[in-house]
Amino acid sequence: MTEYAKNTTENQQTSDNYFHESDFIFDAFINFSSHFYFYKIIMSFFHVPFLFSRYRVFSIHFSRKEKEALEYSTTSFLLD
């Protein structure tokens, strides 16, 4: 094998490794973003009723204004 062929083969292997790593990073980003939106959709159905059921248990400790603030804070993320 000539020196040129040896260098070409090494360069090809290096570039292959680079593309595999960049594909992995891209796939990880896609998985993260799809899981994030999946989580947000699921939580929009289940998270708020769960919070309100807990909030009813502890409602004796809050004034009316505090209850309104808590109610707004638990639903405001749905307005995004």
Protein backbone atom coordinates (compact mmCIF):
# COMPACT_ATOMS: atom_id res chain seq x y z
CA MET A 1 0.00 0.00 0.00
CA THR A 2 1.42 3.37 -0.95
CA GLU A 3 1.70 6.28 1.49
CA TYR A 4 -1.06 8.13 -0.40
CA ALA A 5 -3.44 5.17 -0.18
CA LYS A 6 -2.70 4.73 3.52
CA ASN A 7 -3.40 8.42 4.28
CA THR A 8 -6.59 8.34 2.20
CA THR A 9 -7.85 5.29 4.11
CA GLU A 10 -7.11 6.92 7.49
CA ASN A 11 -8.84 10.14 6.42
CA GLN A 12 -11.87 8.18 5.25
CA GLN A 13 -12.14 6.40 8.60
CA THR A 14 -11.85 9.70 10.46
CA SER A 15 -14.60 11.30 8.39
CA ASP A 16 -16.81 8.21 8.85
CA ASN A 17 -16.43 8.52 12.62
CA TYR A 18 -17.28 12.22 12.44
CA PHE A 19 -20.48 11.60 10.50
CA HIS A 20 -21.55 8.81 12.83
CA GLU A 21 -21.10 11.10 15.83
CA SER A 22 -23.01 13.95 14.21
CA ASP A 23 -25.86 11.58 13.31
CA PHE A 24 -25.97 10.43 16.91
CA ILE A 25 -26.15 14.02 18.20
CA PHE A 26 -28.92 14.84 15.71
CA ASP A 27 -30.90 11.72 16.67
CA ALA A 28 -30.52 12.55 20.36
CA PHE A 29 -31.87 16.06 19.72
CA ILE A 30 -34.86 14.69 17.78
CA ASN A 31 -35.61 12.18 20.53
CA PHE A 32 -35.38 14.87 23.21
CA SER A 33 -37.67 17.30 21.39
CA SER A 34 -40.28 14.65 20.54
CA HIS A 35 -40.28 13.36 24.12
CA PHE A 36 -40.59 16.91 25.44
CA TYR A 37 -43.72 17.62 23.37
CA PHE A 38 -45.15 14.19 24.19
CA TYR A 39 -44.61 14.95 27.89
CA LYS A 40 -46.26 18.37 27.53
CA ILE A 41 -49.33 16.89 25.81
CA ILE A 42 -49.73 14.15 28.42
CA MET A 43 -49.25 16.58 31.30
CA SER A 44 -51.87 18.93 29.86
CA PHE A 45 -54.43 16.16 30.40
CA PHE A 46 -53.27 14.74 33.73
CA HIS A 47 -51.04 17.22 35.53
CA VAL A 48 -53.57 19.99 36.20
CA PRO A 49 -56.35 17.80 37.68
CA PHE A 50 -53.75 16.15 39.89
CA LEU A 51 -52.56 19.54 41.14
CA PHE A 52 -56.09 20.70 41.79
CA SER A 53 -56.92 17.57 43.76
CA ARG A 54 -53.86 18.24 45.97
CA TYR A 55 -54.73 21.94 46.11
CA ARG A 56 -58.22 21.14 47.45
CA VAL A 57 -56.70 19.12 50.30
CA PHE A 58 -54.49 22.04 51.37
CA SER A 59 -56.96 24.82 50.50
CA ILE A 60 -57.65 25.53 54.15
CA HIS A 61 -54.17 27.10 54.43
CA PHE A 62 -54.61 29.65 51.61
CA SER A 63 -56.40 32.97 51.43
CA ARG A 64 -58.63 33.72 48.41
CA LYS A 65 -55.91 35.77 46.64
CA GLU A 66 -53.35 33.03 47.21
CA LYS A 67 -55.78 30.48 45.77
CA GLU A 68 -56.26 32.63 42.65
CA ALA A 69 -52.49 32.99 42.24
CA LEU A 70 -52.03 29.23 42.62
CA GLU A 71 -54.81 28.54 40.15
CA TYR A 72 -53.21 30.87 37.58
CA SER A 73 -49.73 29.40 38.07
CA THR A 74 -50.96 25.83 37.50
CA THR A 75 -52.82 26.67 34.29
CA SER A 76 -50.57 29.33 32.73
CA PHE A 77 -48.27 26.77 31.06
CA LEU A 78 -51.24 25.66 28.93
CA LEU A 79 -51.39 29.13 27.35
CA ASP A 80 -48.00 28.70 25.59
